[in-house]
C-alpha atoms as a PDB file:
ATOM      1  CA  MET A   1      -6.471 -24.114 -80.250  1.00  0.00           C
ATOM      2  CA  THR A   2      -4.963 -22.929 -83.010  1.00  0.00           C
ATOM      3  CA  SER A   3      -2.012 -20.801 -82.822  1.00  0.00           C
ATOM      4  CA  PRO A   4      -1.297 -18.015 -86.409  1.00  0.00           C
ATOM      5  CA  VAL A   5       1.210 -18.889 -88.504  1.00  0.00           C
ATOM      6  CA  ASP A   6       3.524 -15.309 -89.129  1.00  0.00           C
ATOM      7  CA  ALA A   7       4.612 -13.555 -92.293  1.00  0.00           C
ATOM      8  CA  GLN A   8       2.436 -15.444 -95.032  1.00  0.00           C
ATOM      9  CA  THR A   9      -0.016 -14.397 -97.693  1.00  0.00           C
ATOM     10  CA  LEU A  10      -3.553 -15.977 -98.612  1.00  0.00           C
ATOM     11  CA  THR A  11      -4.206 -15.374-102.312  1.00  0.00           C
ATOM     12  CA  VAL A  12      -8.226 -16.753-103.466  1.00  0.00           C
ATOM     13  CA  ARG A  13      -8.738 -17.668-107.455  1.00  0.00           C
ATOM     14  CA  ALA A  14     -11.929 -19.134-108.823  1.00  0.00           C
ATOM     15  CA  VAL A  15     -11.012 -22.360-111.008  1.00  0.00           C
ATOM     16  CA  ALA A  16     -13.806 -24.408-112.270  1.00  0.00           C
ATOM     17  CA  ASP A  17     -16.613 -24.993-109.590  1.00  0.00           C
ATOM     18  CA  ALA A  18     -13.938 -24.556-107.002  1.00  0.00           C
ATOM     19  CA  LEU A  19     -12.078 -22.342-104.426  1.00  0.00           C
ATOM     20  CA  HIS A  20      -8.742 -22.469-104.419  1.00  0.00           C
ATOM     21  CA  VAL A  21      -6.401 -20.969-102.064  1.00  0.00           C
ATOM     22  CA  ARG A  22      -2.944 -20.452-101.975  1.00  0.00           C
ATOM     23  CA  ALA A  23      -0.778 -19.461 -98.767  1.00  0.00           C
ATOM     24  CA  SER A  24       3.047 -18.469 -98.705  1.00  0.00           C
ATOM     25  CA  GLY A  25       4.489 -19.153 -95.445  1.00  0.00           C
ATOM     26  CA  LEU A  26       2.813 -21.942 -94.387  1.00  0.00           C
ATOM     27  CA  GLY A  27       5.774 -24.196 -93.853  1.00  0.00           C
ATOM     28  CA  PHE A  28       4.257 -27.438 -91.893  1.00  0.00           C
ATOM     29  CA  ILE A  29       6.898 -29.165 -93.089  1.00  0.00           C
ATOM     30  CA  SER A  30       9.636 -27.968 -90.559  1.00  0.00           C
ATOM     31  CA  GLY A  31      10.763 -28.748 -86.910  1.00  0.00           C
ATOM     32  CA  PRO A  32       9.569 -31.607 -85.641  1.00  0.00           C
ATOM     33  CA  VAL A  33       7.219 -32.665 -88.707  1.00  0.00           C
ATOM     34  CA  LEU A  34      10.424 -32.464 -90.554  1.00  0.00           C
ATOM     35  CA  ASP A  35      12.038 -34.576 -88.428  1.00  0.00           C
ATOM     36  CA  ARG A  36       9.792 -37.391 -87.716  1.00  0.00           C
ATOM     37  CA  LEU A  37       9.558 -37.761 -91.656  1.00  0.00           C
ATOM     38  CA  GLN A  38      13.693 -37.955 -91.880  1.00  0.00           C
ATOM     39  CA  ASP A  39      13.542 -40.805 -89.580  1.00  0.00           C
ATOM     40  CA  GLY A  40      11.714 -42.229 -91.732  1.00  0.00           C
ATOM     41  CA  ARG A  41       8.148 -41.843 -90.496  1.00  0.00           C
ATOM     42  CA  SER A  42       4.821 -40.896 -92.212  1.00  0.00           C
ATOM     43  CA  VAL A  43       2.689 -37.735 -90.517  1.00  0.00           C
ATOM     44  CA  ARG A  44      -0.621 -37.059 -91.066  1.00  0.00           C
ATOM     45  CA  VAL A  45      -1.817 -33.488 -91.732  1.00  0.00           C
ATOM     46  CA  ASP A  46      -5.491 -32.318 -91.193  1.00  0.00           C
ATOM     47  CA  PHE A  47      -7.013 -29.040 -93.270  1.00  0.00           C
ATOM     48  CA  ASP A  48      -9.562 -26.880 -92.788  1.00  0.00           C
ATOM     49  CA  LEU A  49     -10.407 -24.105 -95.182  1.00  0.00           C
ATOM     50  CA  ILE A  50     -13.160 -21.936 -93.986  1.00  0.00           C
ATOM     51  CA  VAL A  51     -14.954 -19.478 -95.520  1.00  0.00           C
ATOM     52  CA  LEU A  52     -16.017 -16.507 -92.928  1.00  0.00           C
ATOM     53  CA  GLU A  53     -18.474 -13.825 -93.468  1.00  0.00           C
ATOM     54  CA  LYS A  54     -16.734 -11.269 -91.738  1.00  0.00           C
ATOM     55  CA  PRO A  55     -13.173 -11.193 -90.021  1.00  0.00           C
ATOM     56  CA  ASN A  56     -13.859 -14.421 -86.843  1.00  0.00           C
ATOM     57  CA  GLY A  57     -17.749 -14.143 -88.344  1.00  0.00           C
ATOM     58  CA  ALA A  58     -20.183 -17.301 -88.994  1.00  0.00           C
ATOM     59  CA  VAL A  59     -18.885 -19.409 -91.910  1.00  0.00           C
ATOM     60  CA  VAL A  60     -20.238 -19.556 -94.994  1.00  0.00           C
ATOM     61  CA  SER A  61     -18.521 -22.983 -96.543  1.00  0.00           C
ATOM     62  CA  ARG A  62     -16.242 -25.071 -95.512  1.00  0.00           C
ATOM     63  CA  ALA A  63     -13.768 -27.784 -96.577  1.00  0.00           C
ATOM     64  CA  GLN A  64     -11.858 -30.364 -94.918  1.00  0.00           C
ATOM     65  CA  GLN A  65      -9.353 -33.012 -95.724  1.00  0.00           C
ATOM     66  CA  SER A  66      -6.175 -35.041 -94.865  1.00  0.00           C
ATOM     67  CA  PHE A  67      -3.146 -36.463 -95.935  1.00  0.00           C
ATOM     68  CA  ASN A  68      -0.059 -38.633 -95.543  1.00  0.00           C
ATOM     69  CA  LEU A  69       3.444 -37.127 -95.721  1.00  0.00           C
ATOM     70  CA  SER A  70       6.083 -39.144 -96.205  1.00  0.00           C
ATOM     71  CA  PHE A  71       9.956 -38.503 -97.438  1.00  0.00           C
ATOM     72  CA  ASP A  72      12.226 -40.540 -99.458  1.00  0.00           C
ATOM     73  CA  LEU A  73      16.011 -40.619 -97.607  1.00  0.00           C
ATOM     74  CA  TRP A  74      17.640 -41.929-101.089  1.00  0.00           C
ATOM     75  CA  GLU A  75      16.582 -38.308-103.063  1.00  0.00           C
ATOM     76  CA  GLN A  76      15.416 -36.016-100.414  1.00  0.00           C
ATOM     77  CA  ARG A  77      12.416 -35.281-101.712  1.00  0.00           C
ATOM     78  CA  PHE A  78       8.810 -35.948-100.528  1.00  0.00           C
ATOM     79  CA  ALA A  79       5.503 -37.545-101.130  1.00  0.00           C
ATOM     80  CA  VAL A  80       2.613 -36.785-100.307  1.00  0.00           C
ATOM     81  CA  THR A  81      -1.504 -39.313-100.364  1.00  0.00           C
ATOM     82  CA  ARG A  82      -4.675 -37.579 -99.890  1.00  0.00           C
ATOM     83  CA  ILE A  83      -6.919 -39.362 -97.671  1.00  0.00           C
ATOM     84  CA  GLY A  84     -10.413 -40.451 -98.524  1.00  0.00           C
ATOM     85  CA  PRO A  85     -12.736 -41.347-100.545  1.00  0.00           C
ATOM     86  CA  MET A  86     -10.774 -40.306-103.708  1.00  0.00           C
ATOM     87  CA  PRO A  87      -7.447 -40.826-102.526  1.00  0.00           C
ATOM     88  CA  ARG A  88      -4.426 -39.787-104.900  1.00  0.00           C
ATOM     89  CA  SER A  89      -0.745 -39.373-104.438  1.00  0.00           C
ATOM     90  CA  ILE A  90       2.250 -37.328-105.948  1.00  0.00           C
ATOM     91  CA  SER A  91       6.137 -37.595-104.950  1.00  0.00           C
ATOM     92  CA  HIS A  92       9.140 -36.297-105.712  1.00  0.00           C
ATOM     93  CA  LEU A  93       8.360 -33.045-104.412  1.00  0.00           C
ATOM     94  CA  THR A  94      10.359 -30.407-102.422  1.00  0.00           C
ATOM     95  CA  ALA A  95       8.879 -29.363 -99.309  1.00  0.00           C
ATOM     96  CA  ARG A  96       7.332 -26.222-100.818  1.00  0.00           C
ATOM     97  CA  ALA A  97       6.254 -28.052-103.470  1.00  0.00           C
ATOM     98  CA  ALA A  98       4.379 -30.723-100.623  1.00  0.00           C
ATOM     99  CA  GLU A  99       2.878 -27.737 -98.846  1.00  0.00           C
ATOM    100  CA  ASP A 100       1.604 -26.137-101.922  1.00  0.00           C
ATOM    101  CA  TRP A 101      -0.075 -29.635-103.341  1.00  0.00           C
ATOM    102  CA  CYS A 102      -2.049 -30.337 -99.944  1.00  0.00           C
ATOM    103  CA  LEU A 103      -3.237 -26.901 -99.612  1.00  0.00           C
ATOM    104  CA  ASP A 104      -4.513 -27.116-103.623  1.00  0.00           C
ATOM    105  CA  ASN A 105      -6.074 -29.906-102.951  1.00  0.00           C
ATOM    106  CA  VAL A 106      -8.570 -28.056-100.402  1.00  0.00           C
ATOM    107  CA  THR A 107     -11.061 -26.491-101.994  1.00  0.00           C
ATOM    108  CA  VAL A 108     -14.628 -25.231-101.137  1.00  0.00           C
ATOM    109  CA  PRO A 109     -17.113 -25.310-104.195  1.00  0.00           C
ATOM    110  CA  VAL A 110     -18.062 -21.902-105.712  1.00  0.00           C
ATOM    111  CA  ALA A 111     -21.862 -22.691-105.708  1.00  0.00           C
ATOM    112  CA  SER A 112     -21.683 -22.876-101.839  1.00  0.00           C
ATOM    113  CA  LEU A 113     -20.581 -19.296-101.599  1.00  0.00           C
ATOM    114  CA  GLY A 114     -24.335 -18.453-102.426  1.00  0.00           C
ATOM    115  CA  ARG A 115     -23.811 -14.669-103.400  1.00  0.00           C
ATOM    116  CA  THR A 116     -21.069 -13.853-100.567  1.00  0.00           C
ATOM    117  CA  GLY A 117     -17.876 -13.537-102.530  1.00  0.00           C
ATOM    118  CA  ARG A 118     -20.155 -11.559-105.691  1.00  0.00           C
ATOM    119  CA  ASP A 119     -21.911  -9.181-103.924  1.00  0.00           C
ATOM    120  CA  THR A 120     -19.799  -9.128-100.683  1.00  0.00           C
ATOM    121  CA  PRO A 121     -16.473  -9.587 -99.418  1.00  0.00           C
ATOM    122  CA  PHE A 122     -15.702 -12.354 -97.483  1.00  0.00           C
ATOM    123  CA  TRP A 123     -12.569 -13.577 -95.605  1.00  0.00           C
ATOM    124  CA  VAL A 124     -10.974 -17.177 -95.591  1.00  0.00           C
ATOM    125  CA  ARG A 125      -9.224 -18.749 -92.561  1.00  0.00           C
ATOM    126  CA  VAL A 126      -6.886 -21.876 -93.403  1.00  0.00           C
ATOM    127  CA  GLU A 127      -5.832 -23.958 -90.234  1.00  0.00           C
ATOM    128  CA  TYR A 128      -3.984 -27.365 -90.248  1.00  0.00           C
ATOM    129  CA  ARG A 129      -3.770 -29.623 -87.092  1.00  0.00           C
ATOM    130  CA  ILE A 130      -0.887 -32.450 -86.993  1.00  0.00           C
ATOM    131  CA  PRO A 131      -2.433 -34.766 -84.947  1.00  0.00           C
ATOM    132  CA  GLU A 132      -0.975 -36.651 -82.206  1.00  0.00           C
ATOM    133  CA  ARG A 133      -0.378 -40.081 -82.649  1.00  0.00           C
ATOM    134  CA  SER A 134      -2.912 -42.491 -81.257  1.00  0.00           C
ATOM    135  CA  ALA A 135      -2.542 -44.547 -78.114  1.00  0.00           C
ATOM    136  CA  ASN A 136      -4.422 -47.247 -79.805  1.00  0.00           C
ATOM    137  CA  ALA A 137      -2.495 -47.187 -82.849  1.00  0.00           C
ATOM    138  CA  PRO A 138      -0.204 -49.856 -83.037  1.00  0.00           C
ATOM    139  CA  ALA A 139       3.431 -49.121 -82.365  1.00  0.00           C
ATOM    140  CA  GLU A 140       5.768 -49.454 -84.665  1.00  0.00           C
ATOM    141  CA  ASP A 141       8.157 -51.606 -82.162  1.00  0.00           C
ATOM    142  CA  SER A 142       6.117 -53.510 -79.488  1.00  0.00           C
ATOM    143  CA  THR A 143       9.157 -53.974 -77.466  1.00  0.00           C
ATOM    144  CA  PHE A 144       9.754 -51.541 -74.514  1.00  0.00           C
ATOM    145  CA  THR A 145      13.048 -49.800 -75.150  1.00  0.00           C
ATOM    146  CA  LEU A 146      15.743 -47.134 -73.851  1.00  0.00           C
ATOM    147  CA  HIS A 147      14.373 -45.386 -77.180  1.00  0.00           C
ATOM    148  CA  THR A 148      10.831 -46.283 -76.587  1.00  0.00           C
ATOM    149  CA  LEU A 149      10.934 -44.816 -73.773  1.00  0.00           C
ATOM    150  CA  ILE A 150      12.719 -41.458 -74.602  1.00  0.00           C
ATOM    151  CA  ASP A 151      10.265 -41.343 -77.919  1.00  0.00           C
ATOM    152  CA  VAL A 152       7.592 -41.691 -75.416  1.00  0.00           C
ATOM    153  CA  LEU A 153       8.524 -39.021 -72.920  1.00  0.00           C
ATOM    154  CA  SER A 154       9.194 -36.402 -75.898  1.00  0.00           C
ATOM    155  CA  ARG A 155       5.930 -36.896 -77.567  1.00  0.00           C
ATOM    156  CA  ARG A 156       4.343 -33.606 -75.670  1.00  0.00           C
ATOM    157  CA  ARG A 157       7.352 -31.669 -76.681  1.00  0.00           C
ATOM    158  CA  GLU A 158       6.938 -32.704 -80.283  1.00  0.00           C
ATOM    159  CA  ASP A 159       3.587 -32.176 -80.519  1.00  0.00           C
ATOM    160  CA  GLU A 160       3.304 -28.497 -78.725  1.00  0.00           C
ATOM    161  CA  ASN A 161       3.199 -26.655 -81.665  1.00  0.00           C
ATOM    162  CA  LYS A 162       0.148 -29.003 -83.725  1.00  0.00           C
ATOM    163  CA  ALA A 163      -1.834 -26.667 -84.696  1.00  0.00           C
ATOM    164  CA  LYS A 164      -1.555 -23.486 -86.907  1.00  0.00           C
ATOM    165  CA  SER A 165      -4.138 -21.052 -88.720  1.00  0.00           C
ATOM    166  CA  VAL A 166      -3.948 -18.377 -90.643  1.00  0.00           C
ATOM    167  CA  GLU A 167      -7.017 -15.584 -91.782  1.00  0.00           C
ATOM    168  CA  ALA A 168      -7.036 -13.101 -94.131  1.00  0.00           C
ATOM    169  CA  GLY A 169      -9.646 -10.496 -96.694  1.00  0.00           C
ATOM    170  CA  PRO A 170     -11.577  -9.088 -97.531  1.00  0.00           C
ATOM    171  CA  PHE A 171     -11.630 -10.894-100.721  1.00  0.00           C
ATOM    172  CA  ARG A 172     -14.177 -11.178-103.681  1.00  0.00           C
ATOM    173  CA  LEU A 173     -14.868 -13.236-106.922  1.00  0.00           C
ATOM    174  CA  GLY A 174     -14.429 -11.889-110.184  1.00  0.00           C
ATOM    175  CA  ASN A 175     -17.185 -11.783-112.786  1.00  0.00           C
END
């Protein structure tokens, strides 16, 4: 279940053959995510960019993309790696620039919209999730310590707000 993101705006633009979205106020590099990054751990973020025919309507097109975030303690900057068949990385970013770079790398082909956008308005939903760490994933430290016990017991609270979404519209592509 996703929860809405407060105090944000969405803007949509077509660049070449792709629909790009900007969302001010998305702010996923904060709270527990920022704490994990500053502890030297990487964080995966999964995005869905969904084009809808009306508010909460049928899906016209969808794109999914995942990213790994990390934090350089020395320079106090973020690095982002796009996961998938065409991986790409960037570093030395502020938190806001890292968030913008992620969203700018999740696009929907304009051709997939068909008549939507030019002839009829559309809505856009952006969702992001911070997946829970897999129980099958290898432990960073396989020894049992008080620190690992505290980490395991606090995981539920840490991952409570791991999914967020924002939806806006109507948009129309320029001629």
